[in-house]
Amino acid sequence: MSGRRAKVRLPDLTVLSEQGYTALAGRTRNIVTHEMPPPVLVVEIVSPGAENRDQDYRYKRTEYAARGIAEYWIIDPETQQVTMCLWVNGQYEDTVCTGDTPLRSTIVPEFGLSAAQILAFG
């Protein structure tokens, strides 16, 4: 990832395109480097504490946007919400999801879980 603070990011969940998956073929480690296609979806679960919250809502958001990641989901157990950051015309547009309404992903259109269902796994 780009940015002064980030050297390496290890998201809680990463979804690759077919090209991204192909770029990993034959490698001994599953690390997505700058010369590879970016992931299409990254999911982060917010850990307790103000510093962790800043990481997920500010720094990672900026870094993932700079990398061109189409969707960035922030799962926040403290606020009981999922923020879907969707790449639209050069910037992220946020949709905050709570309760039983299913999330609507542009990357995984078949995804049908709600914020409540996702947060129940925690």
PDB file of N, CA and C in Angstrom:
ATOM      1  N   MET A   1       0.828  -1.178   0.000  1.00  0.00           N
ATOM      2  CA  MET A   1       0.000   0.000   0.000  1.00  0.00           C
ATOM      3  C   MET A   1       0.876   1.247   0.000  1.00  0.00           C
ATOM      4  N   SER A   2       0.320   2.324  -0.488  1.00  0.00           N
ATOM      5  CA  SER A   2       1.043   3.583  -0.456  1.00  0.00           C
ATOM      6  C   SER A   2       0.771   4.271   0.872  1.00  0.00           C
ATOM      7  N   GLY A   3       1.466   5.346   1.123  1.00  0.00           N
ATOM      8  CA  GLY A   3       1.270   6.084   2.360  1.00  0.00           C
ATOM      9  C   GLY A   3       2.480   5.962   3.259  1.00  0.00           C
ATOM     10  N   ARG A   4       2.683   7.006   4.066  1.00  0.00           N
ATOM     11  CA  ARG A   4       3.861   7.030   4.936  1.00  0.00           C
ATOM     12  C   ARG A   4       3.828   5.950   5.990  1.00  0.00           C
ATOM     13  N   ARG A   5       2.665   5.672   6.543  1.00  0.00           N
ATOM     14  CA  ARG A   5       2.565   4.746   7.668  1.00  0.00           C
ATOM     15  C   ARG A   5       2.596   3.286   7.243  1.00  0.00           C
ATOM     16  N   ALA A   6       2.067   2.994   6.079  1.00  0.00           N
ATOM     17  CA  ALA A   6       1.885   1.592   5.682  1.00  0.00           C
ATOM     18  C   ALA A   6       3.119   1.038   4.990  1.00  0.00           C
ATOM     19  N   LYS A   7       3.530  -0.096   5.438  1.00  0.00           N
ATOM     20  CA  LYS A   7       4.550  -0.872   4.754  1.00  0.00           C
ATOM     21  C   LYS A   7       3.869  -2.062   4.089  1.00  0.00           C
ATOM     22  N   VAL A   8       3.019  -2.732   4.871  1.00  0.00           N
ATOM     23  CA  VAL A   8       2.275  -3.888   4.396  1.00  0.00           C
ATOM     24  C   VAL A   8       0.917  -3.868   5.097  1.00  0.00           C
ATOM     25  N   ARG A   9      -0.119  -4.197   4.365  1.00  0.00           N
ATOM     26  CA  ARG A   9      -1.444  -4.347   4.970  1.00  0.00           C
ATOM     27  C   ARG A   9      -1.856  -5.799   4.844  1.00  0.00           C
ATOM     28  N   LEU A  10      -2.406  -6.342   5.925  1.00  0.00           N
ATOM     29  CA  LEU A  10      -2.922  -7.700   5.948  1.00  0.00           C
ATOM     30  C   LEU A  10      -4.402  -7.624   6.311  1.00  0.00           C
ATOM     31  N   PRO A  11      -5.259  -7.392   5.312  1.00  0.00           N
ATOM     32  CA  PRO A  11      -6.692  -7.262   5.593  1.00  0.00           C
ATOM     33  C   PRO A  11      -7.272  -8.534   6.195  1.00  0.00           C
ATOM     34  N   ASP A  12      -8.411  -8.374   6.845  1.00  0.00           N
ATOM     35  CA  ASP A  12      -9.094  -9.533   7.418  1.00  0.00           C
ATOM     36  C   ASP A  12      -9.639 -10.443   6.320  1.00  0.00           C
ATOM     37  N   LEU A  13     -10.030  -9.859   5.186  1.00  0.00           N
ATOM     38  CA  LEU A  13     -10.484 -10.632   4.035  1.00  0.00           C
ATOM     39  C   LEU A  13     -10.118  -9.873   2.769  1.00  0.00           C
ATOM     40  N   THR A  14      -9.609 -10.604   1.774  1.00  0.00           N
ATOM     41  CA  THR A  14      -9.248 -10.024   0.488  1.00  0.00           C
ATOM     42  C   THR A  14      -9.856 -10.878  -0.615  1.00  0.00           C
ATOM     43  N   VAL A  15     -10.502 -10.220  -1.577  1.00  0.00           N
ATOM     44  CA  VAL A  15     -11.048 -10.906  -2.739  1.00  0.00           C
ATOM     45  C   VAL A  15     -10.287 -10.398  -3.967  1.00  0.00           C
ATOM     46  N   LEU A  16      -9.755 -11.344  -4.739  1.00  0.00           N
ATOM     47  CA  LEU A  16      -8.974 -10.998  -5.929  1.00  0.00           C
ATOM     48  C   LEU A  16      -9.796 -11.207  -7.195  1.00  0.00           C
ATOM     49  N   SER A  17      -9.436 -10.484  -8.228  1.00  0.00           N
ATOM     50  CA  SER A  17      -9.992 -10.746  -9.554  1.00  0.00           C
ATOM     51  C   SER A  17      -9.309 -11.993 -10.111  1.00  0.00           C
ATOM     52  N   GLU A  18      -9.796 -12.486 -11.231  1.00  0.00           N
ATOM     53  CA  GLU A  18      -9.131 -13.626 -11.873  1.00  0.00           C
ATOM     54  C   GLU A  18      -7.692 -13.272 -12.234  1.00  0.00           C
ATOM     55  N   GLN A  19      -7.468 -12.044 -12.702  1.00  0.00           N
ATOM     56  CA  GLN A  19      -6.112 -11.610 -13.044  1.00  0.00           C
ATOM     57  C   GLN A  19      -5.220 -11.563 -11.802  1.00  0.00           C
ATOM     58  N   GLY A  20      -5.779 -11.123 -10.686  1.00  0.00           N
ATOM     59  CA  GLY A  20      -5.026 -11.097  -9.437  1.00  0.00           C
ATOM     60  C   GLY A  20      -4.678 -12.491  -8.959  1.00  0.00           C
ATOM     61  N   TYR A  21      -5.631 -13.394  -9.072  1.00  0.00           N
ATOM     62  CA  TYR A  21      -5.399 -14.782  -8.690  1.00  0.00           C
ATOM     63  C   TYR A  21      -4.322 -15.408  -9.573  1.00  0.00           C
ATOM     64  N   THR A  22      -4.394 -15.151 -10.872  1.00  0.00           N
ATOM     65  CA  THR A  22      -3.403 -15.673 -11.816  1.00  0.00           C
ATOM     66  C   THR A  22      -2.015 -15.127 -11.494  1.00  0.00           C
ATOM     67  N   ALA A  23      -1.937 -13.874 -11.086  1.00  0.00           N
ATOM     68  CA  ALA A  23      -0.640 -13.260 -10.757  1.00  0.00           C
ATOM     69  C   ALA A  23       0.014 -13.931  -9.554  1.00  0.00           C
ATOM     70  N   LEU A  24      -0.775 -14.553  -8.687  1.00  0.00           N
ATOM     71  CA  LEU A  24      -0.222 -15.262  -7.522  1.00  0.00           C
ATOM     72  C   LEU A  24       0.262 -16.677  -7.859  1.00  0.00           C
ATOM     73  N   ALA A  25      -0.149 -17.198  -8.992  1.00  0.00           N
ATOM     74  CA  ALA A  25       0.194 -18.583  -9.361  1.00  0.00           C
ATOM     75  C   ALA A  25       1.700 -18.786  -9.365  1.00  0.00           C
ATOM     76  N   GLY A  26       2.122 -19.855  -8.740  1.00  0.00           N
ATOM     77  CA  GLY A  26       3.533 -20.212  -8.717  1.00  0.00           C
ATOM     78  C   GLY A  26       4.355 -19.491  -7.663  1.00  0.00           C
ATOM     79  N   ARG A  27       3.770 -18.588  -6.932  1.00  0.00           N
ATOM     80  CA  ARG A  27       4.513 -17.873  -5.883  1.00  0.00           C
ATOM     81  C   ARG A  27       4.492 -18.694  -4.599  1.00  0.00           C
ATOM     82  N   THR A  28       5.527 -18.541  -3.816  1.00  0.00           N
ATOM     83  CA  THR A  28       5.602 -19.286  -2.559  1.00  0.00           C
ATOM     84  C   THR A  28       4.819 -18.608  -1.441  1.00  0.00           C
ATOM     85  N   ARG A  29       4.523 -17.287  -1.598  1.00  0.00           N
ATOM     86  CA  ARG A  29       3.754 -16.556  -0.586  1.00  0.00           C
ATOM     87  C   ARG A  29       2.607 -15.828  -1.265  1.00  0.00           C
ATOM     88  N   ASN A  30       1.462 -15.787  -0.611  1.00  0.00           N
ATOM     89  CA  ASN A  30       0.286 -15.117  -1.159  1.00  0.00           C
ATOM     90  C   ASN A  30       0.280 -13.633  -0.778  1.00  0.00           C
ATOM     91  N   ILE A  31       1.218 -12.900  -1.337  1.00  0.00           N
ATOM     92  CA  ILE A  31       1.334 -11.474  -1.072  1.00  0.00           C
ATOM     93  C   ILE A  31       1.051 -10.723  -2.366  1.00  0.00           C
ATOM     94  N   VAL A  32       0.094  -9.796  -2.308  1.00  0.00           N
ATOM     95  CA  VAL A  32      -0.235  -8.976  -3.469  1.00  0.00           C
ATOM     96  C   VAL A  32       0.713  -7.779  -3.456  1.00  0.00           C
ATOM     97  N   THR A  33       1.546  -7.690  -4.474  1.00  0.00           N
ATOM     98  CA  THR A  33       2.526  -6.603  -4.571  1.00  0.00           C
ATOM     99  C   THR A  33       2.001  -5.493  -5.483  1.00  0.00           C
ATOM    100  N   HIS A  34       2.701  -4.360  -5.510  1.00  0.00           N
ATOM    101  CA  HIS A  34       2.270  -3.198  -6.300  1.00  0.00           C
ATOM    102  C   HIS A  34       2.197  -3.474  -7.793  1.00  0.00           C
ATOM    103  N   GLU A  35       3.009  -4.373  -8.288  1.00  0.00           N
ATOM    104  CA  GLU A  35       2.988  -4.645  -9.727  1.00  0.00           C
ATOM    105  C   GLU A  35       1.862  -5.604 -10.131  1.00  0.00           C
ATOM    106  N   MET A  36       1.142  -6.150  -9.169  1.00  0.00           N
ATOM    107  CA  MET A  36       0.014  -7.049  -9.436  1.00  0.00           C
ATOM    108  C   MET A  36      -1.284  -6.249  -9.480  1.00  0.00           C
ATOM    109  N   PRO A  37      -2.322  -6.819 -10.110  1.00  0.00           N
ATOM    110  CA  PRO A  37      -3.629  -6.156 -10.049  1.00  0.00           C
ATOM    111  C   PRO A  37      -4.083  -6.025  -8.598  1.00  0.00           C
ATOM    112  N   PRO A  38      -4.748  -4.925  -8.256  1.00  0.00           N
ATOM    113  CA  PRO A  38      -5.205  -4.760  -6.865  1.00  0.00           C
ATOM    114  C   PRO A  38      -6.351  -5.712  -6.547  1.00  0.00           C
ATOM    115  N   PRO A  39      -6.547  -6.008  -5.275  1.00  0.00           N
ATOM    116  CA  PRO A  39      -7.740  -6.761  -4.897  1.00  0.00           C
ATOM    117  C   PRO A  39      -8.983  -5.986  -5.334  1.00  0.00           C
ATOM    118  N   VAL A  40     -10.086  -6.691  -5.524  1.00  0.00           N
ATOM    119  CA  VAL A  40     -11.325  -6.012  -5.896  1.00  0.00           C
ATOM    120  C   VAL A  40     -12.178  -5.687  -4.675  1.00  0.00           C
ATOM    121  N   LEU A  41     -11.932  -6.407  -3.582  1.00  0.00           N
ATOM    122  CA  LEU A  41     -12.671  -6.179  -2.342  1.00  0.00           C
ATOM    123  C   LEU A  41     -11.755  -6.459  -1.169  1.00  0.00           C
ATOM    124  N   VAL A  42     -11.764  -5.539  -0.194  1.00  0.00           N
ATOM    125  CA  VAL A  42     -11.020  -5.727   1.050  1.00  0.00           C
ATOM    126  C   VAL A  42     -11.997  -5.491   2.194  1.00  0.00           C
ATOM    127  N   VAL A  43     -11.951  -6.375   3.194  1.00  0.00           N
ATOM    128  CA  VAL A  43     -12.804  -6.254   4.374  1.00  0.00           C
ATOM    129  C   VAL A  43     -11.909  -6.137   5.604  1.00  0.00           C
ATOM    130  N   GLU A  44     -12.204  -5.148   6.438  1.00  0.00           N
ATOM    131  CA  GLU A  44     -11.493  -4.969   7.708  1.00  0.00           C
ATOM    132  C   GLU A  44     -12.510  -4.978   8.839  1.00  0.00           C
ATOM    133  N   ILE A  45     -12.156  -5.635   9.938  1.00  0.00           N
ATOM    134  CA  ILE A  45     -12.971  -5.636  11.151  1.00  0.00           C
ATOM    135  C   ILE A  45     -12.284  -4.709  12.145  1.00  0.00           C
ATOM    136  N   VAL A  46     -13.003  -3.704  12.610  1.00  0.00           N
ATOM    137  CA  VAL A  46     -12.432  -2.701  13.507  1.00  0.00           C
ATOM    138  C   VAL A  46     -12.166  -3.328  14.866  1.00  0.00           C
ATOM    139  N   SER A  47     -10.921  -3.227  15.311  1.00  0.00           N
ATOM    140  CA  SER A  47     -10.555  -3.684  16.652  1.00  0.00           C
ATOM    141  C   SER A  47     -10.799  -2.555  17.645  1.00  0.00           C
ATOM    142  N   PRO A  48     -10.974  -2.895  18.935  1.00  0.00           N
ATOM    143  CA  PRO A  48     -11.217  -1.856  19.937  1.00  0.00           C
ATOM    144  C   PRO A  48     -10.065  -0.853  20.017  1.00  0.00           C
ATOM    145  N   GLY A  49     -10.416   0.384  20.359  1.00  0.00           N
ATOM    146  CA  GLY A  49      -9.417   1.423  20.582  1.00  0.00           C
ATOM    147  C   GLY A  49      -9.419   2.492  19.506  1.00  0.00           C
ATOM    148  N   ALA A  50      -9.117   3.719  19.924  1.00  0.00           N
ATOM    149  CA  ALA A  50      -9.136   4.872  19.017  1.00  0.00           C
ATOM    150  C   ALA A  50      -8.113   4.742  17.891  1.00  0.00           C
ATOM    151  N   GLU A  51      -6.937   4.218  18.193  1.00  0.00           N
ATOM    152  CA  GLU A  51      -5.911   4.073  17.161  1.00  0.00           C
ATOM    153  C   GLU A  51      -6.361   3.089  16.082  1.00  0.00           C
ATOM    154  N   ASN A  52      -6.943   1.973  16.486  1.00  0.00           N
ATOM    155  CA  ASN A  52      -7.449   0.998  15.518  1.00  0.00           C
ATOM    156  C   ASN A  52      -8.573   1.590  14.674  1.00  0.00           C
ATOM    157  N   ARG A  53      -9.450   2.348  15.305  1.00  0.00           N
ATOM    158  CA  ARG A  53     -10.547   3.001  14.590  1.00  0.00           C
ATOM    159  C   ARG A  53      -9.989   3.959  13.532  1.00  0.00           C
ATOM    160  N   ASP A  54      -8.997   4.757  13.909  1.00  0.00           N
ATOM    161  CA  ASP A  54      -8.353   5.662  12.940  1.00  0.00           C
ATOM    162  C   ASP A  54      -7.732   4.892  11.790  1.00  0.00           C
ATOM    163  N   GLN A  55      -7.087   3.780  12.105  1.00  0.00           N
ATOM    164  CA  GLN A  55      -6.471   2.968  11.056  1.00  0.00           C
ATOM    165  C   GLN A  55      -7.502   2.541  10.033  1.00  0.00           C
ATOM    166  N   ASP A  56      -8.606   1.985  10.484  1.00  0.00           N
ATOM    167  CA  ASP A  56      -9.599   1.423   9.572  1.00  0.00           C
ATOM    168  C   ASP A  56     -10.418   2.484   8.845  1.00  0.00           C
ATOM    169  N   TYR A  57     -10.779   3.555   9.542  1.00  0.00           N
ATOM    170  CA  TYR A  57     -11.654   4.557   8.937  1.00  0.00           C
ATOM    171  C   TYR A  57     -10.884   5.646   8.175  1.00  0.00           C
ATOM    172  N   ARG A  58      -9.640   5.877   8.505  1.00  0.00           N
ATOM    173  CA  ARG A  58      -8.900   6.962   7.851  1.00  0.00           C
ATOM    174  C   ARG A  58      -7.746   6.449   6.999  1.00  0.00           C
ATOM    175  N   TYR A  59      -6.749   5.859   7.636  1.00  0.00           N
ATOM    176  CA  TYR A  59      -5.510   5.533   6.937  1.00  0.00           C
ATOM    177  C   TYR A  59      -5.691   4.427   5.902  1.00  0.00           C
ATOM    178  N   LYS A  60      -6.327   3.334   6.302  1.00  0.00           N
ATOM    179  CA  LYS A  60      -6.521   2.237   5.357  1.00  0.00           C
ATOM    180  C   LYS A  60      -7.416   2.670   4.202  1.00  0.00           C
ATOM    181  N   ARG A  61      -8.431   3.438   4.512  1.00  0.00           N
ATOM    182  CA  ARG A  61      -9.330   3.947   3.475  1.00  0.00           C
ATOM    183  C   ARG A  61      -8.540   4.705   2.405  1.00  0.00           C
ATOM    184  N   THR A  62      -7.659   5.595   2.829  1.00  0.00           N
ATOM    185  CA  THR A  62      -6.835   6.373   1.899  1.00  0.00           C
ATOM    186  C   THR A  62      -5.901   5.473   1.106  1.00  0.00           C
ATOM    187  N   GLU A  63      -5.290   4.526   1.782  1.00  0.00           N
ATOM    188  CA  GLU A  63      -4.350   3.622   1.123  1.00  0.00           C
ATOM    189  C   GLU A  63      -5.057   2.707   0.125  1.00  0.00           C
ATOM    190  N   TYR A  64      -6.222   2.189   0.496  1.00  0.00           N
ATOM    191  CA  TYR A  64      -6.959   1.310  -0.409  1.00  0.00           C
ATOM    192  C   TYR A  64      -7.484   2.093  -1.614  1.00  0.00           C
ATOM    193  N   ALA A  65      -7.881   3.336  -1.401  1.00  0.00           N
ATOM    194  CA  ALA A  65      -8.316   4.181  -2.515  1.00  0.00           C
ATOM    195  C   ALA A  65      -7.148   4.436  -3.470  1.00  0.00           C
ATOM    196  N   ALA A  66      -5.979   4.728  -2.917  1.00  0.00           N
ATOM    197  CA  ALA A  66      -4.798   4.970  -3.758  1.00  0.00           C
ATOM    198  C   ALA A  66      -4.431   3.733  -4.565  1.00  0.00           C
ATOM    199  N   ARG A  67      -4.736   2.575  -4.047  1.00  0.00           N
ATOM    200  CA  ARG A  67      -4.438   1.305  -4.733  1.00  0.00           C
ATOM    201  C   ARG A  67      -5.502   0.958  -5.772  1.00  0.00           C
ATOM    202  N   GLY A  68      -6.644   1.629  -5.704  1.00  0.00           N
ATOM    203  CA  GLY A  68      -7.701   1.380  -6.675  1.00  0.00           C
ATOM    204  C   GLY A  68      -8.583   0.194  -6.350  1.00  0.00           C
ATOM    205  N   ILE A  69      -8.760  -0.095  -5.074  1.00  0.00           N
ATOM    206  CA  ILE A  69      -9.599  -1.215  -4.646  1.00  0.00           C
ATOM    207  C   ILE A  69     -11.065  -0.787  -4.767  1.00  0.00           C
ATOM    208  N   ALA A  70     -11.850  -1.565  -5.510  1.00  0.00           N
ATOM    209  CA  ALA A  70     -13.215  -1.173  -5.869  1.00  0.00           C
ATOM    210  C   ALA A  70     -14.169  -1.109  -4.677  1.00  0.00           C
ATOM    211  N   GLU A  71     -14.019  -2.015  -3.723  1.00  0.00           N
ATOM    212  CA  GLU A  71     -14.872  -2.007  -2.533  1.00  0.00           C
ATOM    213  C   GLU A  71     -14.034  -2.234  -1.286  1.00  0.00           C
ATOM    214  N   TYR A  72     -14.324  -1.447  -0.270  1.00  0.00           N
ATOM    215  CA  TYR A  72     -13.677  -1.576   1.034  1.00  0.00           C
ATOM    216  C   TYR A  72     -14.798  -1.586   2.073  1.00  0.00           C
ATOM    217  N   TRP A  73     -14.933  -2.705   2.780  1.00  0.00           N
ATOM    218  CA  TRP A  73     -15.961  -2.830   3.816  1.00  0.00           C
ATOM    219  C   TRP A  73     -15.310  -2.691   5.181  1.00  0.00           C
ATOM    220  N   ILE A  74     -15.936  -1.911   6.034  1.00  0.00           N
ATOM    221  CA  ILE A  74     -15.470  -1.736   7.409  1.00  0.00           C
ATOM    222  C   ILE A  74     -16.544  -2.310   8.330  1.00  0.00           C
ATOM    223  N   ILE A  75     -16.226  -3.418   8.964  1.00  0.00           N
ATOM    224  CA  ILE A  75     -17.153  -4.063   9.893  1.00  0.00           C
ATOM    225  C   ILE A  75     -16.816  -3.559  11.293  1.00  0.00           C
ATOM    226  N   ASP A  76     -17.789  -2.908  11.924  1.00  0.00           N
ATOM    227  CA  ASP A  76     -17.536  -2.242  13.200  1.00  0.00           C
ATOM    228  C   ASP A  76     -18.433  -2.824  14.294  1.00  0.00           C
ATOM    229  N   PRO A  77     -17.894  -3.758  15.089  1.00  0.00           N
ATOM    230  CA  PRO A  77     -18.691  -4.363  16.161  1.00  0.00           C
ATOM    231  C   PRO A  77     -19.148  -3.356  17.218  1.00  0.00           C
ATOM    232  N   GLU A  78     -18.355  -2.314  17.458  1.00  0.00           N
ATOM    233  CA  GLU A  78     -18.702  -1.332  18.490  1.00  0.00           C
ATOM    234  C   GLU A  78     -19.959  -0.539  18.115  1.00  0.00           C
ATOM    235  N   THR A  79     -20.050  -0.104  16.867  1.00  0.00           N
ATOM    236  CA  THR A  79     -21.204   0.684  16.419  1.00  0.00           C
ATOM    237  C   THR A  79     -22.296  -0.184  15.804  1.00  0.00           C
ATOM    238  N   GLN A  80     -22.014  -1.495  15.672  1.00  0.00           N
ATOM    239  CA  GLN A  80     -22.969  -2.444  15.100  1.00  0.00           C
ATOM    240  C   GLN A  80     -23.386  -2.040  13.686  1.00  0.00           C
ATOM    241  N   GLN A  81     -22.363  -1.703  12.862  1.00  0.00           N
ATOM    242  CA  GLN A  81     -22.644  -1.329  11.480  1.00  0.00           C
ATOM    243  C   GLN A  81     -21.546  -1.814  10.557  1.00  0.00           C
ATOM    244  N   VAL A  82     -21.892  -1.883   9.282  1.00  0.00           N
ATOM    245  CA  VAL A  82     -20.931  -2.177   8.225  1.00  0.00           C
ATOM    246  C   VAL A  82     -20.952  -0.986   7.283  1.00  0.00           C
ATOM    247  N   THR A  83     -19.789  -0.389   7.068  1.00  0.00           N
ATOM    248  CA  THR A  83     -19.672   0.708   6.116  1.00  0.00           C
ATOM    249  C   THR A  83     -19.097   0.139   4.834  1.00  0.00           C
ATOM    250  N   MET A  84     -19.861   0.268   3.753  1.00  0.00           N
ATOM    251  CA  MET A  84     -19.397  -0.180   2.445  1.00  0.00           C
ATOM    252  C   MET A  84     -18.892   1.050   1.695  1.00  0.00           C
ATOM    253  N   CYS A  85     -17.589   1.070   1.416  1.00  0.00           N
ATOM    254  CA  CYS A  85     -16.977   2.144   0.653  1.00  0.00           C
ATOM    255  C   CYS A  85     -16.868   1.647  -0.792  1.00  0.00           C
ATOM    256  N   LEU A  86     -17.658   2.240  -1.681  1.00  0.00           N
ATOM    257  CA  LEU A  86     -17.707   1.802  -3.069  1.00  0.00           C
ATOM    258  C   LEU A  86     -17.042   2.856  -3.956  1.00  0.00           C
ATOM    259  N   TRP A  87     -16.144   2.405  -4.830  1.00  0.00           N
ATOM    260  CA  TRP A  87     -15.393   3.300  -5.699  1.00  0.00           C
ATOM    261  C   TRP A  87     -16.308   3.794  -6.827  1.00  0.00           C
ATOM    262  N   VAL A  88     -16.567   5.102  -6.833  1.00  0.00           N
ATOM    263  CA  VAL A  88     -17.437   5.703  -7.839  1.00  0.00           C
ATOM    264  C   VAL A  88     -16.768   6.987  -8.348  1.00  0.00           C
ATOM    265  N   ASN A  89     -16.475   7.031  -9.638  1.00  0.00           N
ATOM    266  CA  ASN A  89     -15.909   8.228 -10.266  1.00  0.00           C
ATOM    267  C   ASN A  89     -14.712   8.803  -9.509  1.00  0.00           C
ATOM    268  N   GLY A  90     -13.783   7.934  -9.135  1.00  0.00           N
ATOM    269  CA  GLY A  90     -12.529   8.392  -8.545  1.00  0.00           C
ATOM    270  C   GLY A  90     -12.521   8.623  -7.053  1.00  0.00           C
ATOM    271  N   GLN A  91     -13.571   8.215  -6.354  1.00  0.00           N
ATOM    272  CA  GLN A  91     -13.565   8.345  -4.898  1.00  0.00           C
ATOM    273  C   GLN A  91     -14.526   7.333  -4.286  1.00  0.00           C
ATOM    274  N   TYR A  92     -14.356   7.094  -2.989  1.00  0.00           N
ATOM    275  CA  TYR A  92     -15.262   6.195  -2.290  1.00  0.00           C
ATOM    276  C   TYR A  92     -16.541   6.931  -1.913  1.00  0.00           C
ATOM    277  N   GLU A  93     -17.664   6.254  -2.149  1.00  0.00           N
ATOM    278  CA  GLU A  93     -18.952   6.705  -1.637  1.00  0.00           C
ATOM    279  C   GLU A  93     -19.372   5.683  -0.589  1.00  0.00           C
ATOM    280  N   ASP A  94     -19.755   6.168   0.579  1.00  0.00           N
ATOM    281  CA  ASP A  94     -20.070   5.289   1.702  1.00  0.00           C
ATOM    282  C   ASP A  94     -21.559   4.981   1.788  1.00  0.00           C
ATOM    283  N   THR A  95     -21.840   3.723   2.120  1.00  0.00           N
ATOM    284  CA  THR A  95     -23.176   3.297   2.484  1.00  0.00           C
ATOM    285  C   THR A  95     -23.048   2.622   3.833  1.00  0.00           C
ATOM    286  N   VAL A  96     -23.719   3.161   4.837  1.00  0.00           N
ATOM    287  CA  VAL A  96     -23.688   2.583   6.176  1.00  0.00           C
ATOM    288  C   VAL A  96     -24.866   1.625   6.302  1.00  0.00           C
ATOM    289  N   CYS A  97     -24.551   0.384   6.633  1.00  0.00           N
ATOM    290  CA  CYS A  97     -25.555  -0.668   6.720  1.00  0.00           C
ATOM    291  C   CYS A  97     -25.715  -1.111   8.172  1.00  0.00           C
ATOM    292  N   THR A  98     -26.971  -1.181   8.605  1.00  0.00           N
ATOM    293  CA  THR A  98     -27.293  -1.660   9.943  1.00  0.00           C
ATOM    294  C   THR A  98     -28.504  -2.573   9.828  1.00  0.00           C
ATOM    295  N   GLY A  99     -28.748  -3.327  10.866  1.00  0.00           N
ATOM    296  CA  GLY A  99     -29.960  -4.129  10.927  1.00  0.00           C
ATOM    297  C   GLY A  99     -30.015  -5.269   9.925  1.00  0.00           C
ATOM    298  N   ASP A 100     -31.233  -5.530   9.445  1.00  0.00           N
ATOM    299  CA  ASP A 100     -31.498  -6.724   8.657  1.00  0.00           C
ATOM    300  C   ASP A 100     -31.523  -6.519   7.147  1.00  0.00           C
ATOM    301  N   THR A 101     -31.234  -5.322   6.671  1.00  0.00           N
ATOM    302  CA  THR A 101     -31.214  -5.092   5.229  1.00  0.00           C
ATOM    303  C   THR A 101     -29.954  -5.717   4.627  1.00  0.00           C
ATOM    304  N   PRO A 102     -30.084  -6.546   3.595  1.00  0.00           N
ATOM    305  CA  PRO A 102     -28.900  -7.187   2.991  1.00  0.00           C
ATOM    306  C   PRO A 102     -27.955  -6.158   2.364  1.00  0.00           C
ATOM    307  N   LEU A 103     -26.657  -6.419   2.483  1.00  0.00           N
ATOM    308  CA  LEU A 103     -25.656  -5.578   1.835  1.00  0.00           C
ATOM    309  C   LEU A 103     -25.731  -5.788   0.328  1.00  0.00           C
ATOM    310  N   ARG A 104     -25.477  -4.751  -0.436  1.00  0.00           N
ATOM    311  CA  ARG A 104     -25.510  -4.805  -1.894  1.00  0.00           C
ATOM    312  C   ARG A 104     -24.105  -4.525  -2.423  1.00  0.00           C
ATOM    313  N   SER A 105     -23.417  -5.570  -2.780  1.00  0.00           N
ATOM    314  CA  SER A 105     -22.052  -5.482  -3.284  1.00  0.00           C
ATOM    315  C   SER A 105     -22.060  -5.419  -4.812  1.00  0.00           C
ATOM    316  N   THR A 106     -21.210  -4.565  -5.362  1.00  0.00           N
ATOM    317  CA  THR A 106     -21.026  -4.548  -6.812  1.00  0.00           C
ATOM    318  C   THR A 106     -20.044  -5.625  -7.242  1.00  0.00           C
ATOM    319  N   ILE A 107     -19.230  -6.098  -6.326  1.00  0.00           N
ATOM    320  CA  ILE A 107     -18.216  -7.113  -6.619  1.00  0.00           C
ATOM    321  C   ILE A 107     -18.799  -8.521  -6.463  1.00  0.00           C
ATOM    322  N   VAL A 108     -19.592  -8.726  -5.418  1.00  0.00           N
ATOM    323  CA  VAL A 108     -20.200 -10.025  -5.142  1.00  0.00           C
ATOM    324  C   VAL A 108     -21.716  -9.819  -5.091  1.00  0.00           C
ATOM    325  N   PRO A 109     -22.370  -9.698  -6.266  1.00  0.00           N
ATOM    326  CA  PRO A 109     -23.802  -9.378  -6.274  1.00  0.00           C
ATOM    327  C   PRO A 109     -24.675 -10.423  -5.595  1.00  0.00           C
ATOM    328  N   GLU A 110     -24.193 -11.662  -5.494  1.00  0.00           N
ATOM    329  CA  GLU A 110     -24.965 -12.731  -4.863  1.00  0.00           C
ATOM    330  C   GLU A 110     -24.923 -12.647  -3.340  1.00  0.00           C
ATOM    331  N   PHE A 111     -24.058 -11.802  -2.794  1.00  0.00           N
ATOM    332  CA  PHE A 111     -23.914 -11.681  -1.350  1.00  0.00           C
ATOM    333  C   PHE A 111     -25.238 -11.214  -0.768  1.00  0.00           C
ATOM    334  N   GLY A 112     -25.752 -11.908   0.216  1.00  0.00           N
ATOM    335  CA  GLY A 112     -27.066 -11.577   0.736  1.00  0.00           C
ATOM    336  C   GLY A 112     -27.143 -11.388   2.231  1.00  0.00           C
ATOM    337  N   LEU A 113     -26.004 -11.365   2.920  1.00  0.00           N
ATOM    338  CA  LEU A 113     -26.048 -11.206   4.370  1.00  0.00           C
ATOM    339  C   LEU A 113     -26.303  -9.751   4.746  1.00  0.00           C
ATOM    340  N   SER A 114     -26.959  -9.563   5.868  1.00  0.00           N
ATOM    341  CA  SER A 114     -27.195  -8.227   6.415  1.00  0.00           C
ATOM    342  C   SER A 114     -26.078  -7.880   7.398  1.00  0.00           C
ATOM    343  N   ALA A 115     -26.041  -6.610   7.803  1.00  0.00           N
ATOM    344  CA  ALA A 115     -25.068  -6.198   8.811  1.00  0.00           C
ATOM    345  C   ALA A 115     -25.275  -6.992  10.106  1.00  0.00           C
ATOM    346  N   ALA A 116     -26.533  -7.179  10.500  1.00  0.00           N
ATOM    347  CA  ALA A 116     -26.835  -7.940  11.727  1.00  0.00           C
ATOM    348  C   ALA A 116     -26.298  -9.365  11.641  1.00  0.00           C
ATOM    349  N   GLN A 117     -26.451 -10.002  10.485  1.00  0.00           N
ATOM    350  CA  GLN A 117     -25.953 -11.381  10.316  1.00  0.00           C
ATOM    351  C   GLN A 117     -24.432 -11.407  10.364  1.00  0.00           C
ATOM    352  N   ILE A 118     -23.779 -10.458   9.728  1.00  0.00           N
ATOM    353  CA  ILE A 118     -22.316 -10.406   9.725  1.00  0.00           C
ATOM    354  C   ILE A 118     -21.804 -10.181  11.155  1.00  0.00           C
ATOM    355  N   LEU A 119     -22.390  -9.246  11.848  1.00  0.00           N
ATOM    356  CA  LEU A 119     -21.937  -8.914  13.199  1.00  0.00           C
ATOM    357  C   LEU A 119     -22.240 -10.014  14.193  1.00  0.00           C
ATOM    358  N   ALA A 120     -23.197 -10.880  13.914  1.00  0.00           N
ATOM    359  CA  ALA A 120     -23.521 -11.989  14.803  1.00  0.00           C
ATOM    360  C   ALA A 120     -22.401 -13.026  14.851  1.00  0.00           C
ATOM    361  N   PHE A 121     -21.526 -13.050  13.830  1.00  0.00           N
ATOM    362  CA  PHE A 121     -20.416 -14.003  13.813  1.00  0.00           C
ATOM    363  C   PHE A 121     -19.349 -13.652  14.833  1.00  0.00           C
ATOM    364  N   GLY A 122     -19.288 -12.379  15.250  1.00  0.00           N
ATOM    365  CA  GLY A 122     -18.231 -11.886  16.133  1.00  0.00           C
ATOM    366  C   GLY A 122     -18.342 -12.443  17.489  1.00  0.00           C
TER     367      GLY A 122
END
